[in-house]
Amino acid sequence: MRRRLVPLSVLLLLTAGTVAVTPSPPPSVAAPVPAVAAVPAPVEPAPDAPLPERMADTGGGTQLITAVAPDTGSTAGRVVWWDLGADGRWSEAGSAPARFGANGLVAGGERVQGTSTTPTGLYDLPYAFGIAPAPEGAGYPYRPVTDRSYWCQDNDSASYNRWVEGLPADCRAAEAERMLDYGVQYAHGLVVGFNYDRPVRGRGAGIFLHVNGEGPTAGCVSVPADAMARILAWVDPGRGPHIAVGTESGPTAVTRGSA
């Protein structure tokens, strides 16, 4: 009987004994990528939302006055004063017809002194003033007009765009406004902070919210006397009030925010 031959490869395996087999590494698995939350697009306010909610900037306080004209050629429009509630919504506290400069409105940064234009933009309200006593209930800082009260508009004066008691030597009388001479308009008023903190010479001085005169203003915003008294009884320095002056549309639209 012929003996069956064992293949050499098998003999080698039997001679070497048990051989450990290293398993192949598992295929690499990429680390999971964390999901990125979608950033919601800004929600545009509804067209019928209160005007302050459609503005880019209201000054950061909880009181706001808006003075809006149809366009830059207008000399009349409307003033509305607003309260911001605890729910984050603005509500109208009062309104009145308004008058603007005899030559309309212009962007505050482009205004030139003596042009009888009302500067548009967002401004603070440094203090109130008046020839008449402060209205009942008024709590805003109130400066009474005296026979020595002037508003200096002299570009060469150190007192440019400032109230002075007694005319300084460097402020020419022809370039100053004697406030007592405007008994109707300055019965009550609020100083508008246009060109006030760091005055630019030649841009303009003496911009106020005051009582109506006989017609358009020289650059201020004016309202009827009863409305001005109501505004002074409403405005509260602790609530950071501002005034926004502008038009209904275009580059000077009040909804564009500050200028």
C-alpha atoms as a PDB file:
ATOM      1  CA  MET A   1       0.000   0.000   0.000  1.00  0.00           C
ATOM      2  CA  ARG A   2       1.391   3.380  -1.029  1.00  0.00           C
ATOM      3  CA  ARG A   3       1.845   5.936   1.786  1.00  0.00           C
ATOM      4  CA  ARG A   4       0.060   9.314   1.222  1.00  0.00           C
ATOM      5  CA  LEU A   5       2.506  12.193   1.161  1.00  0.00           C
ATOM      6  CA  VAL A   6       1.842  15.184   3.370  1.00  0.00           C
ATOM      7  CA  PRO A   7       2.360  18.519   1.647  1.00  0.00           C
ATOM      8  CA  LEU A   8       5.386  20.466   2.776  1.00  0.00           C
ATOM      9  CA  SER A   9       3.277  23.517   3.669  1.00  0.00           C
ATOM     10  CA  VAL A  10       1.273  21.511   6.157  1.00  0.00           C
ATOM     11  CA  LEU A  11       4.424  20.040   7.706  1.00  0.00           C
ATOM     12  CA  LEU A  12       5.820  23.479   8.226  1.00  0.00           C
ATOM     13  CA  LEU A  13       2.660  24.564  10.050  1.00  0.00           C
ATOM     14  CA  LEU A  14       2.654  21.488  12.249  1.00  0.00           C
ATOM     15  CA  THR A  15       6.313  21.965  13.093  1.00  0.00           C
ATOM     16  CA  ALA A  16       5.894  25.662  14.017  1.00  0.00           C
ATOM     17  CA  GLY A  17       2.980  24.935  16.355  1.00  0.00           C
ATOM     18  CA  THR A  18       0.115  27.307  16.897  1.00  0.00           C
ATOM     19  CA  VAL A  19       0.613  30.692  15.244  1.00  0.00           C
ATOM     20  CA  ALA A  20      -1.185  33.750  16.700  1.00  0.00           C
ATOM     21  CA  VAL A  21      -3.117  35.661  14.154  1.00  0.00           C
ATOM     22  CA  THR A  22      -3.395  39.439  14.613  1.00  0.00           C
ATOM     23  CA  PRO A  23      -6.816  40.625  13.585  1.00  0.00           C
ATOM     24  CA  SER A  24      -6.981  43.411  11.024  1.00  0.00           C
ATOM     25  CA  PRO A  25      -7.874  46.801  12.559  1.00  0.00           C
ATOM     26  CA  PRO A  26     -11.438  47.834  12.064  1.00  0.00           C
ATOM     27  CA  PRO A  27     -12.037  50.494   9.466  1.00  0.00           C
ATOM     28  CA  SER A  28     -11.654  53.985  10.917  1.00  0.00           C
ATOM     29  CA  VAL A  29     -14.893  55.755  11.701  1.00  0.00           C
ATOM     30  CA  ALA A  30     -15.021  59.537  11.369  1.00  0.00           C
ATOM     31  CA  ALA A  31     -16.000  61.426  14.538  1.00  0.00           C
ATOM     32  CA  PRO A  32     -19.554  62.682  14.375  1.00  0.00           C
ATOM     33  CA  VAL A  33     -19.852  66.352  13.350  1.00  0.00           C
ATOM     34  CA  PRO A  34     -21.907  68.289  15.853  1.00  0.00           C
ATOM     35  CA  ALA A  35     -25.039  69.759  14.411  1.00  0.00           C
ATOM     36  CA  VAL A  36     -24.962  73.557  13.966  1.00  0.00           C
ATOM     37  CA  ALA A  37     -28.111  75.303  15.041  1.00  0.00           C
ATOM     38  CA  ALA A  38     -29.594  77.449  12.319  1.00  0.00           C
ATOM     39  CA  VAL A  39     -29.455  81.180  13.081  1.00  0.00           C
ATOM     40  CA  PRO A  40     -32.916  82.624  12.629  1.00  0.00           C
ATOM     41  CA  ALA A  41     -33.169  85.554  10.268  1.00  0.00           C
ATOM     42  CA  PRO A  42     -34.008  88.878  11.916  1.00  0.00           C
ATOM     43  CA  VAL A  43     -37.724  89.380  12.169  1.00  0.00           C
ATOM     44  CA  GLU A  44     -38.873  92.462  10.353  1.00  0.00           C
ATOM     45  CA  PRO A  45     -41.478  94.440  12.290  1.00  0.00           C
ATOM     46  CA  ALA A  46     -44.905  94.564  10.760  1.00  0.00           C
ATOM     47  CA  PRO A  47     -45.625  97.671   8.665  1.00  0.00           C
ATOM     48  CA  ASP A  48     -48.327  98.651  11.161  1.00  0.00           C
ATOM     49  CA  ALA A  49     -46.067  98.222  14.228  1.00  0.00           C
ATOM     50  CA  PRO A  50     -45.612 101.334  16.398  1.00  0.00           C
ATOM     51  CA  LEU A  51     -43.091 103.677  14.795  1.00  0.00           C
ATOM     52  CA  PRO A  52     -40.336 103.222  17.427  1.00  0.00           C
ATOM     53  CA  GLU A  53     -40.381  99.459  16.787  1.00  0.00           C
ATOM     54  CA  ARG A  54     -39.546 100.158  13.141  1.00  0.00           C
ATOM     55  CA  MET A  55     -36.559 102.354  14.003  1.00  0.00           C
ATOM     56  CA  ALA A  56     -32.950 101.163  14.070  1.00  0.00           C
ATOM     57  CA  ASP A  57     -32.208 103.230  17.184  1.00  0.00           C
ATOM     58  CA  THR A  58     -34.425 104.913  19.774  1.00  0.00           C
ATOM     59  CA  GLY A  59     -31.678 106.126  22.087  1.00  0.00           C
ATOM     60  CA  GLY A  60     -31.859 103.337  24.641  1.00  0.00           C
ATOM     61  CA  GLY A  61     -34.378 104.958  26.982  1.00  0.00           C
ATOM     62  CA  THR A  62     -38.029 104.243  27.670  1.00  0.00           C
ATOM     63  CA  GLN A  63     -39.357 107.568  26.372  1.00  0.00           C
ATOM     64  CA  LEU A  64     -39.146 108.850  22.819  1.00  0.00           C
ATOM     65  CA  ILE A  65     -40.472 111.826  20.888  1.00  0.00           C
ATOM     66  CA  THR A  66     -40.807 111.454  17.111  1.00  0.00           C
ATOM     67  CA  ALA A  67     -41.135 114.505  14.868  1.00  0.00           C
ATOM     68  CA  VAL A  68     -41.950 113.381  11.337  1.00  0.00           C
ATOM     69  CA  ALA A  69     -42.606 115.357   8.146  1.00  0.00           C
ATOM     70  CA  PRO A  70     -43.812 113.876   4.836  1.00  0.00           C
ATOM     71  CA  ASP A  71     -40.579 114.847   3.011  1.00  0.00           C
ATOM     72  CA  THR A  72     -37.614 117.211   3.205  1.00  0.00           C
ATOM     73  CA  GLY A  73     -39.559 120.021   1.528  1.00  0.00           C
ATOM     74  CA  SER A  74     -42.294 119.973   4.161  1.00  0.00           C
ATOM     75  CA  THR A  75     -42.799 122.605   6.833  1.00  0.00           C
ATOM     76  CA  ALA A  76     -45.496 120.674   8.711  1.00  0.00           C
ATOM     77  CA  GLY A  77     -45.885 117.190  10.097  1.00  0.00           C
ATOM     78  CA  ARG A  78     -46.600 115.496  13.408  1.00  0.00           C
ATOM     79  CA  VAL A  79     -44.977 115.032  16.807  1.00  0.00           C
ATOM     80  CA  VAL A  80     -45.790 111.912  18.836  1.00  0.00           C
ATOM     81  CA  TRP A  81     -44.461 111.030  22.276  1.00  0.00           C
ATOM     82  CA  TRP A  82     -44.075 107.374  23.219  1.00  0.00           C
ATOM     83  CA  ASP A  83     -43.622 105.148  26.269  1.00  0.00           C
ATOM     84  CA  LEU A  84     -41.810 101.802  26.292  1.00  0.00           C
ATOM     85  CA  GLY A  85     -43.699  99.302  28.478  1.00  0.00           C
ATOM     86  CA  ALA A  86     -42.376  96.466  30.618  1.00  0.00           C
ATOM     87  CA  ASP A  87     -43.509  94.083  27.861  1.00  0.00           C
ATOM     88  CA  GLY A  88     -41.060  95.689  25.423  1.00  0.00           C
ATOM     89  CA  ARG A  89     -43.781  97.354  23.358  1.00  0.00           C
ATOM     90  CA  TRP A  90     -44.054 101.046  22.570  1.00  0.00           C
ATOM     91  CA  SER A  91     -47.348 102.858  23.078  1.00  0.00           C
ATOM     92  CA  GLU A  92     -48.422 106.353  22.109  1.00  0.00           C
ATOM     93  CA  ALA A  93     -48.714 108.769  25.048  1.00  0.00           C
ATOM     94  CA  GLY A  94     -49.805 111.806  23.022  1.00  0.00           C
ATOM     95  CA  SER A  95     -49.513 113.576  19.694  1.00  0.00           C
ATOM     96  CA  ALA A  96     -49.855 116.988  18.094  1.00  0.00           C
ATOM     97  CA  PRO A  97     -49.402 118.740  14.730  1.00  0.00           C
ATOM     98  CA  ALA A  98     -45.867 120.048  14.274  1.00  0.00           C
ATOM     99  CA  ARG A  99     -44.056 122.716  12.317  1.00  0.00           C
ATOM    100  CA  PHE A 100     -40.536 122.563  10.907  1.00  0.00           C
ATOM    101  CA  GLY A 101     -38.032 124.928   9.308  1.00  0.00           C
ATOM    102  CA  ALA A 102     -39.175 127.380   6.666  1.00  0.00           C
ATOM    103  CA  ASN A 103     -36.871 125.632   4.183  1.00  0.00           C
ATOM    104  CA  GLY A 104     -37.801 122.102   5.234  1.00  0.00           C
ATOM    105  CA  LEU A 105     -35.519 119.440   6.695  1.00  0.00           C
ATOM    106  CA  VAL A 106     -31.953 118.313   6.032  1.00  0.00           C
ATOM    107  CA  ALA A 107     -29.677 115.581   7.389  1.00  0.00           C
ATOM    108  CA  GLY A 108     -28.158 116.851  10.624  1.00  0.00           C
ATOM    109  CA  GLY A 109     -24.582 116.170   9.531  1.00  0.00           C
ATOM    110  CA  GLU A 110     -25.073 118.256   6.375  1.00  0.00           C
ATOM    111  CA  ARG A 111     -26.877 121.222   7.878  1.00  0.00           C
ATOM    112  CA  VAL A 112     -25.512 124.746   7.426  1.00  0.00           C
ATOM    113  CA  GLN A 113     -26.237 127.489   9.940  1.00  0.00           C
ATOM    114  CA  GLY A 114     -28.690 130.173   8.890  1.00  0.00           C
ATOM    115  CA  THR A 115     -30.518 128.056   6.311  1.00  0.00           C
ATOM    116  CA  SER A 116     -33.816 127.777   8.257  1.00  0.00           C
ATOM    117  CA  THR A 117     -33.746 124.003   7.912  1.00  0.00           C
ATOM    118  CA  THR A 118     -34.591 121.502  10.641  1.00  0.00           C
ATOM    119  CA  PRO A 119     -31.827 118.932  11.230  1.00  0.00           C
ATOM    120  CA  THR A 120     -32.907 115.303  11.073  1.00  0.00           C
ATOM    121  CA  GLY A 121     -31.462 112.664  13.378  1.00  0.00           C
ATOM    122  CA  LEU A 122     -31.724 111.237  16.879  1.00  0.00           C
ATOM    123  CA  TYR A 123     -30.868 113.629  19.721  1.00  0.00           C
ATOM    124  CA  ASP A 124     -30.943 113.816  23.476  1.00  0.00           C
ATOM    125  CA  LEU A 125     -32.811 116.534  25.371  1.00  0.00           C
ATOM    126  CA  PRO A 126     -30.372 118.312  27.727  1.00  0.00           C
ATOM    127  CA  TYR A 127     -32.924 120.422  29.662  1.00  0.00           C
ATOM    128  CA  ALA A 128     -36.216 122.320  29.518  1.00  0.00           C
ATOM    129  CA  PHE A 129     -36.661 126.070  29.684  1.00  0.00           C
ATOM    130  CA  GLY A 130     -39.285 128.753  29.519  1.00  0.00           C
ATOM    131  CA  ILE A 131     -40.390 132.306  30.021  1.00  0.00           C
ATOM    132  CA  ALA A 132     -43.465 130.934  31.791  1.00  0.00           C
ATOM    133  CA  PRO A 133     -43.125 128.800  34.924  1.00  0.00           C
ATOM    134  CA  ALA A 134     -42.720 125.047  34.419  1.00  0.00           C
ATOM    135  CA  PRO A 135     -46.081 123.326  33.863  1.00  0.00           C
ATOM    136  CA  GLU A 136     -47.663 121.563  36.815  1.00  0.00           C
ATOM    137  CA  GLY A 137     -46.241 118.088  37.231  1.00  0.00           C
ATOM    138  CA  ALA A 138     -43.065 118.835  35.244  1.00  0.00           C
ATOM    139  CA  GLY A 139     -39.999 117.074  36.623  1.00  0.00           C
ATOM    140  CA  TYR A 140     -37.430 117.785  33.924  1.00  0.00           C
ATOM    141  CA  PRO A 141     -34.495 120.122  34.718  1.00  0.00           C
ATOM    142  CA  TYR A 142     -36.055 123.521  33.979  1.00  0.00           C
ATOM    143  CA  ARG A 143     -34.238 126.763  33.323  1.00  0.00           C
ATOM    144  CA  PRO A 144     -36.251 129.995  33.606  1.00  0.00           C
ATOM    145  CA  VAL A 145     -35.652 132.686  30.986  1.00  0.00           C
ATOM    146  CA  THR A 146     -34.578 136.032  32.420  1.00  0.00           C
ATOM    147  CA  ASP A 147     -33.969 139.435  30.879  1.00  0.00           C
ATOM    148  CA  ARG A 148     -30.276 138.459  30.653  1.00  0.00           C
ATOM    149  CA  SER A 149     -30.774 135.093  28.911  1.00  0.00           C
ATOM    150  CA  TYR A 150     -29.205 134.705  25.466  1.00  0.00           C
ATOM    151  CA  TRP A 151     -28.440 131.801  23.168  1.00  0.00           C
ATOM    152  CA  CYS A 152     -25.052 132.468  21.584  1.00  0.00           C
ATOM    153  CA  GLN A 153     -24.823 131.634  17.878  1.00  0.00           C
ATOM    154  CA  ASP A 154     -21.549 133.431  17.177  1.00  0.00           C
ATOM    155  CA  ASN A 155     -19.151 130.993  15.483  1.00  0.00           C
ATOM    156  CA  ASP A 156     -16.168 132.895  16.908  1.00  0.00           C
ATOM    157  CA  SER A 157     -17.362 132.690  20.504  1.00  0.00           C
ATOM    158  CA  ALA A 158     -16.271 130.218  23.171  1.00  0.00           C
ATOM    159  CA  SER A 159     -19.984 130.085  24.091  1.00  0.00           C
ATOM    160  CA  TYR A 160     -21.137 128.975  20.633  1.00  0.00           C
ATOM    161  CA  ASN A 161     -24.424 127.045  20.834  1.00  0.00           C
ATOM    162  CA  ARG A 162     -24.809 127.677  24.555  1.00  0.00           C
ATOM    163  CA  TRP A 163     -27.230 129.473  26.866  1.00  0.00           C
ATOM    164  CA  VAL A 164     -25.528 132.412  28.565  1.00  0.00           C
ATOM    165  CA  GLU A 165     -26.716 134.740  31.292  1.00  0.00           C
ATOM    166  CA  GLY A 166     -25.398 138.084  30.164  1.00  0.00           C
ATOM    167  CA  LEU A 167     -23.811 138.404  26.742  1.00  0.00           C
ATOM    168  CA  PRO A 168     -20.083 137.469  26.802  1.00  0.00           C
ATOM    169  CA  ALA A 169     -17.631 139.913  25.297  1.00  0.00           C
ATOM    170  CA  ASP A 170     -16.761 137.448  22.496  1.00  0.00           C
ATOM    171  CA  CYS A 171     -20.402 136.845  21.478  1.00  0.00           C
ATOM    172  CA  ARG A 172     -21.727 139.583  19.224  1.00  0.00           C
ATOM    173  CA  ALA A 173     -25.267 140.719  19.952  1.00  0.00           C
ATOM    174  CA  ALA A 174     -26.119 140.398  16.248  1.00  0.00           C
ATOM    175  CA  GLU A 175     -25.109 136.716  16.477  1.00  0.00           C
ATOM    176  CA  ALA A 176     -27.088 135.920  19.606  1.00  0.00           C
ATOM    177  CA  GLU A 177     -30.750 135.324  20.360  1.00  0.00           C
ATOM    178  CA  ARG A 178     -32.233 137.252  23.261  1.00  0.00           C
ATOM    179  CA  MET A 179     -34.653 134.624  24.476  1.00  0.00           C
ATOM    180  CA  LEU A 180     -37.074 136.991  26.178  1.00  0.00           C
ATOM    181  CA  ASP A 181     -37.849 138.499  22.759  1.00  0.00           C
ATOM    182  CA  TYR A 182     -39.710 135.302  21.823  1.00  0.00           C
ATOM    183  CA  GLY A 183     -42.457 135.491  24.403  1.00  0.00           C
ATOM    184  CA  VAL A 184     -44.811 133.125  22.562  1.00  0.00           C
ATOM    185  CA  GLN A 185     -42.365 130.545  21.203  1.00  0.00           C
ATOM    186  CA  TYR A 186     -40.201 130.309  24.324  1.00  0.00           C
ATOM    187  CA  ALA A 187     -43.001 130.234  26.852  1.00  0.00           C
ATOM    188  CA  HIS A 188     -42.002 126.563  27.155  1.00  0.00           C
ATOM    189  CA  GLY A 189     -39.369 124.528  25.356  1.00  0.00           C
ATOM    190  CA  LEU A 190     -36.867 121.696  25.361  1.00  0.00           C
ATOM    191  CA  VAL A 191     -33.280 122.062  24.191  1.00  0.00           C
ATOM    192  CA  VAL A 192     -32.555 119.564  21.384  1.00  0.00           C
ATOM    193  CA  GLY A 193     -29.027 118.148  21.575  1.00  0.00           C
ATOM    194  CA  PHE A 194     -28.209 118.892  17.920  1.00  0.00           C
ATOM    195  CA  ASN A 195     -24.573 120.043  17.524  1.00  0.00           C
ATOM    196  CA  TYR A 196     -24.444 120.412  21.284  1.00  0.00           C
ATOM    197  CA  ASP A 197     -21.885 118.112  22.927  1.00  0.00           C
ATOM    198  CA  ARG A 198     -19.044 118.954  20.516  1.00  0.00           C
ATOM    199  CA  PRO A 199     -20.293 121.916  18.488  1.00  0.00           C
ATOM    200  CA  VAL A 200     -19.161 122.139  14.874  1.00  0.00           C
ATOM    201  CA  ARG A 201     -18.842 125.797  13.897  1.00  0.00           C
ATOM    202  CA  GLY A 202     -21.162 126.771  11.092  1.00  0.00           C
ATOM    203  CA  ARG A 203     -23.492 123.782  11.497  1.00  0.00           C
ATOM    204  CA  GLY A 204     -26.103 125.527  13.580  1.00  0.00           C
ATOM    205  CA  ALA A 205     -27.113 126.597  17.053  1.00  0.00           C
ATOM    206  CA  GLY A 206     -30.243 126.985  19.113  1.00  0.00           C
ATOM    207  CA  ILE A 207     -32.396 124.056  17.963  1.00  0.00           C
ATOM    208  CA  PHE A 208     -35.371 123.533  20.276  1.00  0.00           C
ATOM    209  CA  LEU A 209     -38.754 121.869  20.571  1.00  0.00           C
ATOM    210  CA  HIS A 210     -40.914 124.860  21.472  1.00  0.00           C
ATOM    211  CA  VAL A 211     -44.330 126.489  21.194  1.00  0.00           C
ATOM    212  CA  ASN A 212     -45.689 127.471  17.770  1.00  0.00           C
ATOM    213  CA  GLY A 213     -45.172 130.969  16.464  1.00  0.00           C
ATOM    214  CA  GLU A 214     -47.011 132.428  13.497  1.00  0.00           C
ATOM    215  CA  GLY A 215     -45.607 130.045  10.903  1.00  0.00           C
ATOM    216  CA  PRO A 216     -42.685 127.716  10.116  1.00  0.00           C
ATOM    217  CA  THR A 217     -39.596 127.916  12.306  1.00  0.00           C
ATOM    218  CA  ALA A 218     -36.001 128.986  11.712  1.00  0.00           C
ATOM    219  CA  GLY A 219     -34.955 125.335  12.129  1.00  0.00           C
ATOM    220  CA  CYS A 220     -36.634 124.200  15.333  1.00  0.00           C
ATOM    221  CA  VAL A 221     -39.629 121.897  15.781  1.00  0.00           C
ATOM    222  CA  SER A 222     -42.722 123.560  17.220  1.00  0.00           C
ATOM    223  CA  VAL A 223     -46.093 122.404  18.538  1.00  0.00           C
ATOM    224  CA  PRO A 224     -49.189 124.097  19.994  1.00  0.00           C
ATOM    225  CA  ALA A 225     -48.815 125.539  23.493  1.00  0.00           C
ATOM    226  CA  ASP A 226     -51.029 122.958  25.183  1.00  0.00           C
ATOM    227  CA  ALA A 227     -49.073 120.104  23.580  1.00  0.00           C
ATOM    228  CA  MET A 228     -45.764 121.601  24.729  1.00  0.00           C
ATOM    229  CA  ALA A 229     -47.077 121.813  28.299  1.00  0.00           C
ATOM    230  CA  ARG A 230     -48.236 118.178  28.144  1.00  0.00           C
ATOM    231  CA  ILE A 231     -44.835 117.063  26.854  1.00  0.00           C
ATOM    232  CA  LEU A 232     -43.060 118.837  29.722  1.00  0.00           C
ATOM    233  CA  ALA A 233     -45.383 117.229  32.265  1.00  0.00           C
ATOM    234  CA  TRP A 234     -44.728 113.810  30.677  1.00  0.00           C
ATOM    235  CA  VAL A 235     -40.996 113.794  29.988  1.00  0.00           C
ATOM    236  CA  ASP A 236     -38.904 112.141  32.715  1.00  0.00           C
ATOM    237  CA  PRO A 237     -35.097 112.551  32.888  1.00  0.00           C
ATOM    238  CA  GLY A 238     -34.763 109.161  34.583  1.00  0.00           C
ATOM    239  CA  ARG A 239     -36.165 107.409  31.520  1.00  0.00           C
ATOM    240  CA  GLY A 240     -33.535 108.570  29.014  1.00  0.00           C
ATOM    241  CA  PRO A 241     -35.793 110.506  26.617  1.00  0.00           C
ATOM    242  CA  HIS A 242     -34.676 111.348  23.068  1.00  0.00           C
ATOM    243  CA  ILE A 243     -36.187 113.049  20.061  1.00  0.00           C
ATOM    244  CA  ALA A 244     -36.040 111.539  16.568  1.00  0.00           C
ATOM    245  CA  VAL A 245     -36.568 114.029  13.736  1.00  0.00           C
ATOM    246  CA  GLY A 246     -37.020 112.828  10.172  1.00  0.00           C
ATOM    247  CA  THR A 247     -39.204 112.202   7.168  1.00  0.00           C
ATOM    248  CA  GLU A 248     -41.589 109.411   6.260  1.00  0.00           C
ATOM    249  CA  SER A 249     -39.218 107.922   3.670  1.00  0.00           C
ATOM    250  CA  GLY A 250     -35.946 108.445   1.843  1.00  0.00           C
ATOM    251  CA  PRO A 251     -32.424 109.002   3.218  1.00  0.00           C
ATOM    252  CA  THR A 252     -33.751 111.175   6.067  1.00  0.00           C
ATOM    253  CA  ALA A 253     -36.522 108.741   7.083  1.00  0.00           C
ATOM    254  CA  VAL A 254     -36.941 108.522  10.824  1.00  0.00           C
ATOM    255  CA  THR A 255     -36.905 104.722  10.530  1.00  0.00           C
ATOM    256  CA  ARG A 256     -33.246 104.856   9.501  1.00  0.00           C
ATOM    257  CA  GLY A 257     -32.292 105.597  13.119  1.00  0.00           C
ATOM    258  CA  SER A 258     -29.745 108.197  14.178  1.00  0.00           C
ATOM    259  CA  ALA A 259     -27.994 110.593  11.824  1.00  0.00           C
END
